PDB file of N, CA and C in Angstrom:
ATOM      1  N   MET A   1      19.256   3.467  -3.264  1.00  0.00           N
ATOM      2  CA  MET A   1      19.235   3.112  -4.664  1.00  0.00           C
ATOM      3  C   MET A   1      18.245   1.985  -4.923  1.00  0.00           C
ATOM      4  N   GLU A   2      18.304   0.917  -4.159  1.00  0.00           N
ATOM      5  CA  GLU A   2      17.444  -0.237  -4.389  1.00  0.00           C
ATOM      6  C   GLU A   2      15.974   0.123  -4.187  1.00  0.00           C
ATOM      7  N   GLN A   3      15.660   0.909  -3.157  1.00  0.00           N
ATOM      8  CA  GLN A   3      14.280   1.277  -2.880  1.00  0.00           C
ATOM      9  C   GLN A   3      13.696   2.125  -3.999  1.00  0.00           C
ATOM     10  N   SER A   4      14.464   3.042  -4.544  1.00  0.00           N
ATOM     11  CA  SER A   4      13.960   3.869  -5.639  1.00  0.00           C
ATOM     12  C   SER A   4      13.711   3.029  -6.889  1.00  0.00           C
ATOM     13  N   LEU A   5      14.515   2.006  -7.119  1.00  0.00           N
ATOM     14  CA  LEU A   5      14.314   1.109  -8.255  1.00  0.00           C
ATOM     15  C   LEU A   5      13.025   0.306  -8.080  1.00  0.00           C
ATOM     16  N   ILE A   6      12.771  -0.178  -6.877  1.00  0.00           N
ATOM     17  CA  ILE A   6      11.536  -0.916  -6.594  1.00  0.00           C
ATOM     18  C   ILE A   6      10.326  -0.013  -6.807  1.00  0.00           C
ATOM     19  N   ASP A   7      10.392   1.225  -6.309  1.00  0.00           N
ATOM     20  CA  ASP A   7       9.299   2.167  -6.496  1.00  0.00           C
ATOM     21  C   ASP A   7       9.046   2.432  -7.977  1.00  0.00           C
ATOM     22  N   TYR A   8      10.104   2.546  -8.765  1.00  0.00           N
ATOM     23  CA  TYR A   8       9.976   2.781 -10.206  1.00  0.00           C
ATOM     24  C   TYR A   8       9.303   1.591 -10.893  1.00  0.00           C
ATOM     25  N   VAL A   9       9.694   0.389 -10.546  1.00  0.00           N
ATOM     26  CA  VAL A   9       9.113  -0.809 -11.154  1.00  0.00           C
ATOM     27  C   VAL A   9       7.637  -0.934 -10.784  1.00  0.00           C
ATOM     28  N   ILE A  10       7.291  -0.638  -9.544  1.00  0.00           N
ATOM     29  CA  ILE A  10       5.891  -0.692  -9.127  1.00  0.00           C
ATOM     30  C   ILE A  10       5.065   0.312  -9.907  1.00  0.00           C
ATOM     31  N   GLU A  11       5.562   1.517 -10.093  1.00  0.00           N
ATOM     32  CA  GLU A  11       4.847   2.520 -10.882  1.00  0.00           C
ATOM     33  C   GLU A  11       4.697   2.087 -12.332  1.00  0.00           C
ATOM     34  N   LEU A  12       5.721   1.494 -12.883  1.00  0.00           N
ATOM     35  CA  LEU A  12       5.735   1.083 -14.280  1.00  0.00           C
ATOM     36  C   LEU A  12       4.712  -0.004 -14.566  1.00  0.00           C
ATOM     37  N   PHE A  13       4.508  -0.928 -13.650  1.00  0.00           N
ATOM     38  CA  PHE A  13       3.614  -2.060 -13.860  1.00  0.00           C
ATOM     39  C   PHE A  13       2.304  -1.908 -13.083  1.00  0.00           C
ATOM     40  N   ASP A  14       1.591  -0.824 -13.328  1.00  0.00           N
ATOM     41  CA  ASP A  14       0.253  -0.586 -12.786  1.00  0.00           C
ATOM     42  C   ASP A  14       0.169  -0.668 -11.268  1.00  0.00           C
ATOM     43  N   GLY A  15       1.225  -0.286 -10.584  1.00  0.00           N
ATOM     44  CA  GLY A  15       1.193  -0.214  -9.128  1.00  0.00           C
ATOM     45  C   GLY A  15       1.372  -1.517  -8.401  1.00  0.00           C
ATOM     46  N   VAL A  16       1.833  -2.557  -9.087  1.00  0.00           N
ATOM     47  CA  VAL A  16       2.028  -3.852  -8.426  1.00  0.00           C
ATOM     48  C   VAL A  16       3.335  -4.484  -8.888  1.00  0.00           C
ATOM     49  N   LEU A  17       3.997  -5.140  -7.945  1.00  0.00           N
ATOM     50  CA  LEU A  17       5.226  -5.883  -8.228  1.00  0.00           C
ATOM     51  C   LEU A  17       5.033  -7.278  -7.659  1.00  0.00           C
ATOM     52  N   ILE A  18       5.266  -8.305  -8.464  1.00  0.00           N
ATOM     53  CA  ILE A  18       5.111  -9.688  -8.010  1.00  0.00           C
ATOM     54  C   ILE A  18       6.498 -10.276  -7.851  1.00  0.00           C
ATOM     55  N   ASP A  19       6.792 -10.748  -6.634  1.00  0.00           N
ATOM     56  CA  ASP A  19       8.134 -11.285  -6.361  1.00  0.00           C
ATOM     57  C   ASP A  19       8.215 -12.777  -6.716  1.00  0.00           C
ATOM     58  N   GLU A  20       9.373 -13.369  -6.455  1.00  0.00           N
ATOM     59  CA  GLU A  20       9.602 -14.770  -6.841  1.00  0.00           C
ATOM     60  C   GLU A  20       8.744 -15.762  -6.061  1.00  0.00           C
ATOM     61  N   TYR A  21       8.150 -15.342  -4.961  1.00  0.00           N
ATOM     62  CA  TYR A  21       7.280 -16.218  -4.179  1.00  0.00           C
ATOM     63  C   TYR A  21       5.808 -16.053  -4.532  1.00  0.00           C
ATOM     64  N   GLY A  22       5.498 -15.156  -5.445  1.00  0.00           N
ATOM     65  CA  GLY A  22       4.127 -14.922  -5.861  1.00  0.00           C
ATOM     66  C   GLY A  22       3.410 -13.842  -5.084  1.00  0.00           C
ATOM     67  N   TRP A  23       4.092 -13.223  -4.123  1.00  0.00           N
ATOM     68  CA  TRP A  23       3.489 -12.128  -3.355  1.00  0.00           C
ATOM     69  C   TRP A  23       3.367 -10.894  -4.242  1.00  0.00           C
ATOM     70  N   GLU A  24       2.232 -10.216  -4.140  1.00  0.00           N
ATOM     71  CA  GLU A  24       2.014  -8.959  -4.848  1.00  0.00           C
ATOM     72  C   GLU A  24       2.359  -7.826  -3.892  1.00  0.00           C
ATOM     73  N   HIS A  25       3.204  -6.909  -4.330  1.00  0.00           N
ATOM     74  CA  HIS A  25       3.621  -5.771  -3.510  1.00  0.00           C
ATOM     75  C   HIS A  25       3.001  -4.502  -4.085  1.00  0.00           C
ATOM     76  N   TYR A  26       2.394  -3.717  -3.213  1.00  0.00           N
ATOM     77  CA  TYR A  26       1.737  -2.468  -3.609  1.00  0.00           C
ATOM     78  C   TYR A  26       2.349  -1.310  -2.835  1.00  0.00           C
ATOM     79  N   ARG A  27       2.185  -0.120  -3.379  1.00  0.00           N
ATOM     80  CA  ARG A  27       2.593   1.124  -2.715  1.00  0.00           C
ATOM     81  C   ARG A  27       1.467   2.133  -2.816  1.00  0.00           C
ATOM     82  N   ILE A  28       1.415   2.991  -1.838  1.00  0.00           N
ATOM     83  CA  ILE A  28       0.486   4.113  -1.849  1.00  0.00           C
ATOM     84  C   ILE A  28       1.320   5.372  -1.987  1.00  0.00           C
ATOM     85  N   ASP A  29       0.873   6.281  -2.823  1.00  0.00           N
ATOM     86  CA  ASP A  29       1.619   7.518  -3.065  1.00  0.00           C
ATOM     87  C   ASP A  29       1.891   8.256  -1.756  1.00  0.00           C
ATOM     88  N   GLY A  30       3.144   8.623  -1.560  1.00  0.00           N
ATOM     89  CA  GLY A  30       3.541   9.377  -0.393  1.00  0.00           C
ATOM     90  C   GLY A  30       3.819   8.549   0.844  1.00  0.00           C
ATOM     91  N   LYS A  31       3.670   7.241   0.762  1.00  0.00           N
ATOM     92  CA  LYS A  31       3.922   6.372   1.908  1.00  0.00           C
ATOM     93  C   LYS A  31       5.041   5.399   1.575  1.00  0.00           C
ATOM     94  N   LYS A  32       5.844   5.059   2.558  1.00  0.00           N
ATOM     95  CA  LYS A  32       6.978   4.164   2.337  1.00  0.00           C
ATOM     96  C   LYS A  32       6.655   2.715   2.689  1.00  0.00           C
ATOM     97  N   TYR A  33       5.429   2.436   3.098  1.00  0.00           N
ATOM     98  CA  TYR A  33       5.066   1.102   3.558  1.00  0.00           C
ATOM     99  C   TYR A  33       4.928   0.122   2.400  1.00  0.00           C
ATOM    100  N   ASP A  34       5.295  -1.116   2.669  1.00  0.00           N
ATOM    101  CA  ASP A  34       5.165  -2.189   1.694  1.00  0.00           C
ATOM    102  C   ASP A  34       3.894  -2.960   2.021  1.00  0.00           C
ATOM    103  N   ILE A  35       2.904  -2.868   1.141  1.00  0.00           N
ATOM    104  CA  ILE A  35       1.652  -3.573   1.317  1.00  0.00           C
ATOM    105  C   ILE A  35       1.729  -4.830   0.463  1.00  0.00           C
ATOM    106  N   ARG A  36       1.538  -5.998   1.082  1.00  0.00           N
ATOM    107  CA  ARG A  36       1.733  -7.272   0.389  1.00  0.00           C
ATOM    108  C   ARG A  36       0.460  -8.111   0.414  1.00  0.00           C
ATOM    109  N   PHE A  37       0.281  -8.882  -0.667  1.00  0.00           N
ATOM    110  CA  PHE A  37      -0.833  -9.825  -0.750  1.00  0.00           C
ATOM    111  C   PHE A  37      -0.294 -11.162  -1.227  1.00  0.00           C
ATOM    112  N   ASP A  38      -0.600 -12.214  -0.478  1.00  0.00           N
ATOM    113  CA  ASP A  38      -0.205 -13.574  -0.849  1.00  0.00           C
ATOM    114  C   ASP A  38      -1.439 -14.279  -1.395  1.00  0.00           C
ATOM    115  N   PRO A  39      -1.543 -14.435  -2.735  1.00  0.00           N
ATOM    116  CA  PRO A  39      -2.746 -15.044  -3.312  1.00  0.00           C
ATOM    117  C   PRO A  39      -2.913 -16.523  -2.967  1.00  0.00           C
ATOM    118  N   SER A  40      -1.837 -17.218  -2.651  1.00  0.00           N
ATOM    119  CA  SER A  40      -1.969 -18.637  -2.333  1.00  0.00           C
ATOM    120  C   SER A  40      -2.634 -18.858  -0.970  1.00  0.00           C
ATOM    121  N   ARG A  41      -2.434 -17.932  -0.043  1.00  0.00           N
ATOM    122  CA  ARG A  41      -3.045 -18.038   1.286  1.00  0.00           C
ATOM    123  C   ARG A  41      -4.138 -16.998   1.518  1.00  0.00           C
ATOM    124  N   ILE A  42      -4.355 -16.142   0.523  1.00  0.00           N
ATOM    125  CA  ILE A  42      -5.317 -15.038   0.623  1.00  0.00           C
ATOM    126  C   ILE A  42      -5.060 -14.262   1.906  1.00  0.00           C
ATOM    127  N   GLU A  43      -3.853 -13.716   2.006  1.00  0.00           N
ATOM    128  CA  GLU A  43      -3.405 -13.042   3.221  1.00  0.00           C
ATOM    129  C   GLU A  43      -2.781 -11.691   2.872  1.00  0.00           C
ATOM    130  N   TRP A  44      -3.177 -10.661   3.598  1.00  0.00           N
ATOM    131  CA  TRP A  44      -2.636  -9.322   3.428  1.00  0.00           C
ATOM    132  C   TRP A  44      -1.670  -9.013   4.560  1.00  0.00           C
ATOM    133  N   ALA A  45      -0.674  -8.158   4.262  1.00  0.00           N
ATOM    134  CA  ALA A  45       0.274  -7.700   5.281  1.00  0.00           C
ATOM    135  C   ALA A  45       0.743  -6.298   4.917  1.00  0.00           C
ATOM    136  N   CYS A  46       1.150  -5.545   5.929  1.00  0.00           N
ATOM    137  CA  CYS A  46       1.650  -4.183   5.729  1.00  0.00           C
ATOM    138  C   CYS A  46       2.739  -3.919   6.766  1.00  0.00           C
ATOM    139  N   ASP A  47       3.681  -3.043   6.416  1.00  0.00           N
ATOM    140  CA  ASP A  47       4.782  -2.715   7.317  1.00  0.00           C
ATOM    141  C   ASP A  47       4.454  -1.610   8.315  1.00  0.00           C
ATOM    142  N   CYS A  48       3.288  -1.017   8.218  1.00  0.00           N
ATOM    143  CA  CYS A  48       2.980   0.129   9.075  1.00  0.00           C
ATOM    144  C   CYS A  48       2.733  -0.308  10.523  1.00  0.00           C
ATOM    145  N   PRO A  49       2.920   0.608  11.468  1.00  0.00           N
ATOM    146  CA  PRO A  49       2.687   0.283  12.878  1.00  0.00           C
ATOM    147  C   PRO A  49       1.228  -0.077  13.177  1.00  0.00           C
ATOM    148  N   ALA A  50       0.293   0.512  12.451  1.00  0.00           N
ATOM    149  CA  ALA A  50      -1.126   0.209  12.698  1.00  0.00           C
ATOM    150  C   ALA A  50      -1.439  -1.254  12.402  1.00  0.00           C
ATOM    151  N   PHE A  51      -0.825  -1.816  11.371  1.00  0.00           N
ATOM    152  CA  PHE A  51      -1.040  -3.232  11.066  1.00  0.00           C
ATOM    153  C   PHE A  51      -0.300  -4.115  12.061  1.00  0.00           C
ATOM    154  N   THR A  52       0.893  -3.691  12.440  1.00  0.00           N
ATOM    155  CA  THR A  52       1.699  -4.478  13.371  1.00  0.00           C
ATOM    156  C   THR A  52       0.996  -4.634  14.724  1.00  0.00           C
ATOM    157  N   TYR A  53       0.357  -3.569  15.197  1.00  0.00           N
ATOM    158  CA  TYR A  53      -0.286  -3.584  16.516  1.00  0.00           C
ATOM    159  C   TYR A  53      -1.809  -3.609  16.425  1.00  0.00           C
ATOM    160  N   ARG A  54      -2.359  -4.113  15.324  1.00  0.00           N
ATOM    161  CA  ARG A  54      -3.806  -4.090  15.109  1.00  0.00           C
ATOM    162  C   ARG A  54      -4.587  -4.944  16.096  1.00  0.00           C
ATOM    163  N   ARG A  55      -4.000  -5.984  16.611  1.00  0.00           N
ATOM    164  CA  ARG A  55      -4.725  -6.872  17.529  1.00  0.00           C
ATOM    165  C   ARG A  55      -5.132  -6.141  18.807  1.00  0.00           C
ATOM    166  N   LYS A  56      -4.344  -5.151  19.161  1.00  0.00           N
ATOM    167  CA  LYS A  56      -4.674  -4.359  20.350  1.00  0.00           C
ATOM    168  C   LYS A  56      -6.003  -3.630  20.149  1.00  0.00           C
ATOM    169  N   PHE A  57      -6.265  -3.201  18.914  1.00  0.00           N
ATOM    170  CA  PHE A  57      -7.476  -2.443  18.611  1.00  0.00           C
ATOM    171  C   PHE A  57      -8.545  -3.291  17.921  1.00  0.00           C
ATOM    172  N   LYS A  58      -8.293  -4.606  17.787  1.00  0.00           N
ATOM    173  CA  LYS A  58      -9.235  -5.574  17.210  1.00  0.00           C
ATOM    174  C   LYS A  58      -9.636  -5.207  15.785  1.00  0.00           C
ATOM    175  N   LYS A  59      -8.661  -4.818  14.988  1.00  0.00           N
ATOM    176  CA  LYS A  59      -8.897  -4.530  13.575  1.00  0.00           C
ATOM    177  C   LYS A  59      -8.184  -5.571  12.735  1.00  0.00           C
ATOM    178  N   LYS A  60      -8.808  -5.941  11.617  1.00  0.00           N
ATOM    179  CA  LYS A  60      -8.217  -6.955  10.756  1.00  0.00           C
ATOM    180  C   LYS A  60      -7.169  -6.358   9.829  1.00  0.00           C
ATOM    181  N   TYR A  61      -7.455  -5.184   9.262  1.00  0.00           N
ATOM    182  CA  TYR A  61      -6.555  -4.552   8.307  1.00  0.00           C
ATOM    183  C   TYR A  61      -6.285  -3.102   8.694  1.00  0.00           C
ATOM    184  N   CYS A  62      -5.185  -2.565   8.176  1.00  0.00           N
ATOM    185  CA  CYS A  62      -4.891  -1.140   8.348  1.00  0.00           C
ATOM    186  C   CYS A  62      -5.508  -0.362   7.177  1.00  0.00           C
ATOM    187  N   LYS A  63      -5.460   0.957   7.265  1.00  0.00           N
ATOM    188  CA  LYS A  63      -6.077   1.776   6.217  1.00  0.00           C
ATOM    189  C   LYS A  63      -5.344   1.658   4.888  1.00  0.00           C
ATOM    190  N   HIS A  64      -4.071   1.302   4.904  1.00  0.00           N
ATOM    191  CA  HIS A  64      -3.321   1.155   3.661  1.00  0.00           C
ATOM    192  C   HIS A  64      -3.808  -0.057   2.872  1.00  0.00           C
ATOM    193  N   ILE A  65      -4.048  -1.152   3.568  1.00  0.00           N
ATOM    194  CA  ILE A  65      -4.557  -2.358   2.916  1.00  0.00           C
ATOM    195  C   ILE A  65      -5.959  -2.103   2.373  1.00  0.00           C
ATOM    196  N   VAL A  66      -6.796  -1.437   3.144  1.00  0.00           N
ATOM    197  CA  VAL A  66      -8.158  -1.128   2.707  1.00  0.00           C
ATOM    198  C   VAL A  66      -8.123  -0.254   1.452  1.00  0.00           C
ATOM    199  N   GLU A  67      -7.204   0.709   1.410  1.00  0.00           N
ATOM    200  CA  GLU A  67      -7.089   1.577   0.232  1.00  0.00           C
ATOM    201  C   GLU A  67      -6.689   0.783  -1.008  1.00  0.00           C
ATOM    202  N   VAL A  68      -5.747  -0.134  -0.873  1.00  0.00           N
ATOM    203  CA  VAL A  68      -5.333  -0.957  -2.015  1.00  0.00           C
ATOM    204  C   VAL A  68      -6.476  -1.868  -2.445  1.00  0.00           C
ATOM    205  N   GLN A  69      -7.199  -2.457  -1.496  1.00  0.00           N
ATOM    206  CA  GLN A  69      -8.329  -3.312  -1.836  1.00  0.00           C
ATOM    207  C   GLN A  69      -9.405  -2.535  -2.584  1.00  0.00           C
ATOM    208  N   GLU A  70      -9.699  -1.318  -2.148  1.00  0.00           N
ATOM    209  CA  GLU A  70     -10.697  -0.492  -2.830  1.00  0.00           C
ATOM    210  C   GLU A  70     -10.244  -0.114  -4.230  1.00  0.00           C
ATOM    211  N   ARG A  71      -8.958   0.184  -4.387  1.00  0.00           N
ATOM    212  CA  ARG A  71      -8.414   0.524  -5.704  1.00  0.00           C
ATOM    213  C   ARG A  71      -8.522  -0.667  -6.654  1.00  0.00           C
ATOM    214  N   LYS A  72      -8.191  -1.868  -6.163  1.00  0.00           N
ATOM    215  CA  LYS A  72      -8.298  -3.077  -6.991  1.00  0.00           C
ATOM    216  C   LYS A  72      -9.752  -3.352  -7.353  1.00  0.00           C
ATOM    217  N   PHE A  73     -10.677  -3.161  -6.411  1.00  0.00           N
ATOM    218  CA  PHE A  73     -12.092  -3.396  -6.671  1.00  0.00           C
ATOM    219  C   PHE A  73     -12.616  -2.430  -7.732  1.00  0.00           C
ATOM    220  N   LYS A  74     -12.275  -1.152  -7.609  1.00  0.00           N
ATOM    221  CA  LYS A  74     -12.730  -0.158  -8.590  1.00  0.00           C
ATOM    222  C   LYS A  74     -12.175  -0.462  -9.977  1.00  0.00           C
ATOM    223  N   GLN A  75     -10.936  -0.943 -10.031  1.00  0.00           N
ATOM    224  CA  GLN A  75     -10.337  -1.295 -11.315  1.00  0.00           C
ATOM    225  C   GLN A  75     -11.063  -2.476 -11.955  1.00  0.00           C
ATOM    226  N   ARG A  76     -11.410  -3.479 -11.153  1.00  0.00           N
ATOM    227  CA  ARG A  76     -12.145  -4.634 -11.682  1.00  0.00           C
ATOM    228  C   ARG A  76     -13.530  -4.245 -12.162  1.00  0.00           C
ATOM    229  N   VAL A  77     -14.214  -3.368 -11.431  1.00  0.00           N
ATOM    230  CA  VAL A  77     -15.540  -2.908 -11.837  1.00  0.00           C
ATOM    231  C   VAL A  77     -15.437  -2.146 -13.153  1.00  0.00           C
ATOM    232  N   ALA A  78     -14.443  -1.286 -13.273  1.00  0.00           N
ATOM    233  CA  ALA A  78     -14.263  -0.524 -14.510  1.00  0.00           C
ATOM    234  C   ALA A  78     -13.949  -1.455 -15.684  1.00  0.00           C
ATOM    235  N   ASP A  79     -13.137  -2.468 -15.456  1.00  0.00           N
ATOM    236  CA  ASP A  79     -12.826  -3.427 -16.513  1.00  0.00           C
ATOM    237  C   ASP A  79     -14.066  -4.206 -16.925  1.00  0.00           C
ATOM    238  N   ALA A  80     -14.886  -4.596 -15.962  1.00  0.00           N
ATOM    239  CA  ALA A  80     -16.100  -5.362 -16.252  1.00  0.00           C
ATOM    240  C   ALA A  80     -17.120  -4.514 -16.999  1.00  0.00           C
ATOM    241  N   GLU A  81     -17.233  -3.236 -16.647  1.00  0.00           N
ATOM    242  CA  GLU A  81     -18.167  -2.358 -17.343  1.00  0.00           C
ATOM    243  C   GLU A  81     -17.739  -2.133 -18.783  1.00  0.00           C
ATOM    244  N   GLY A  82     -16.460  -2.072 -19.014  1.00  0.00           N
ATOM    245  CA  GLY A  82     -15.963  -1.887 -20.380  1.00  0.00           C
ATOM    246  C   GLY A  82     -16.291  -3.052 -21.276  1.00  0.00           C
ATOM    247  N   ARG A  83     -16.264  -4.263 -20.745  1.00  0.00           N
ATOM    248  CA  ARG A  83     -16.572  -5.442 -21.542  1.00  0.00           C
ATOM    249  C   ARG A  83     -18.069  -5.640 -21.681  1.00  0.00           C
ATOM    250  N   ALA A  84     -18.842  -5.281 -20.680  1.00  0.00           N
ATOM    251  CA  ALA A  84     -20.274  -5.560 -20.701  1.00  0.00           C
ATOM    252  C   ALA A  84     -21.016  -4.699 -21.700  1.00  0.00           C
ATOM    253  N   GLY A  85     -20.495  -3.540 -22.056  1.00  0.00           N
ATOM    254  CA  GLY A  85     -21.195  -2.634 -22.944  1.00  0.00           C
ATOM    255  C   GLY A  85     -21.112  -2.991 -24.418  1.00  0.00           C
ATOM    256  N   ALA A  86     -20.232  -3.873 -24.798  1.00  0.00           N
ATOM    257  CA  ALA A  86     -20.026  -4.188 -26.213  1.00  0.00           C
ATOM    258  C   ALA A  86     -20.968  -5.287 -26.669  1.00  0.00           C
ATOM    259  N   ARG A  87     -21.590  -5.061 -27.839  1.00  0.00           N
ATOM    260  CA  ARG A  87     -22.447  -6.078 -28.451  1.00  0.00           C
ATOM    261  C   ARG A  87     -21.976  -6.335 -29.868  1.00  0.00           C
ATOM    262  N   VAL A  88     -21.974  -7.568 -30.212  1.00  0.00           N
ATOM    263  CA  VAL A  88     -21.609  -7.939 -31.576  1.00  0.00           C
ATOM    264  C   VAL A  88     -22.848  -8.492 -32.242  1.00  0.00           C
ATOM    265  N   VAL A  89     -23.206  -7.897 -33.364  1.00  0.00           N
ATOM    266  CA  VAL A  89     -24.425  -8.324 -34.076  1.00  0.00           C
ATOM    267  C   VAL A  89     -24.045  -8.952 -35.379  1.00  0.00           C
TER     268      VAL A  89
END
């Protein structure tokens, strides 16, 4: 019950949930992993095994974190393009 409510709230608020500590929680469609970003420390974390054991393979992030970062970047670019095209005369 609680997990489905969290998933619903994340979907409702543009794919992000901010908890009481300021961490941003993201989800990827079809995956149960909790992808987190702490803006105060600029630190990413994920519950997947690839992130947990990444040091063995010398990788900084897992593919889930990279996907969320790319989605956020594309959204910012789209927002910036929308504002840049308007001229007031």
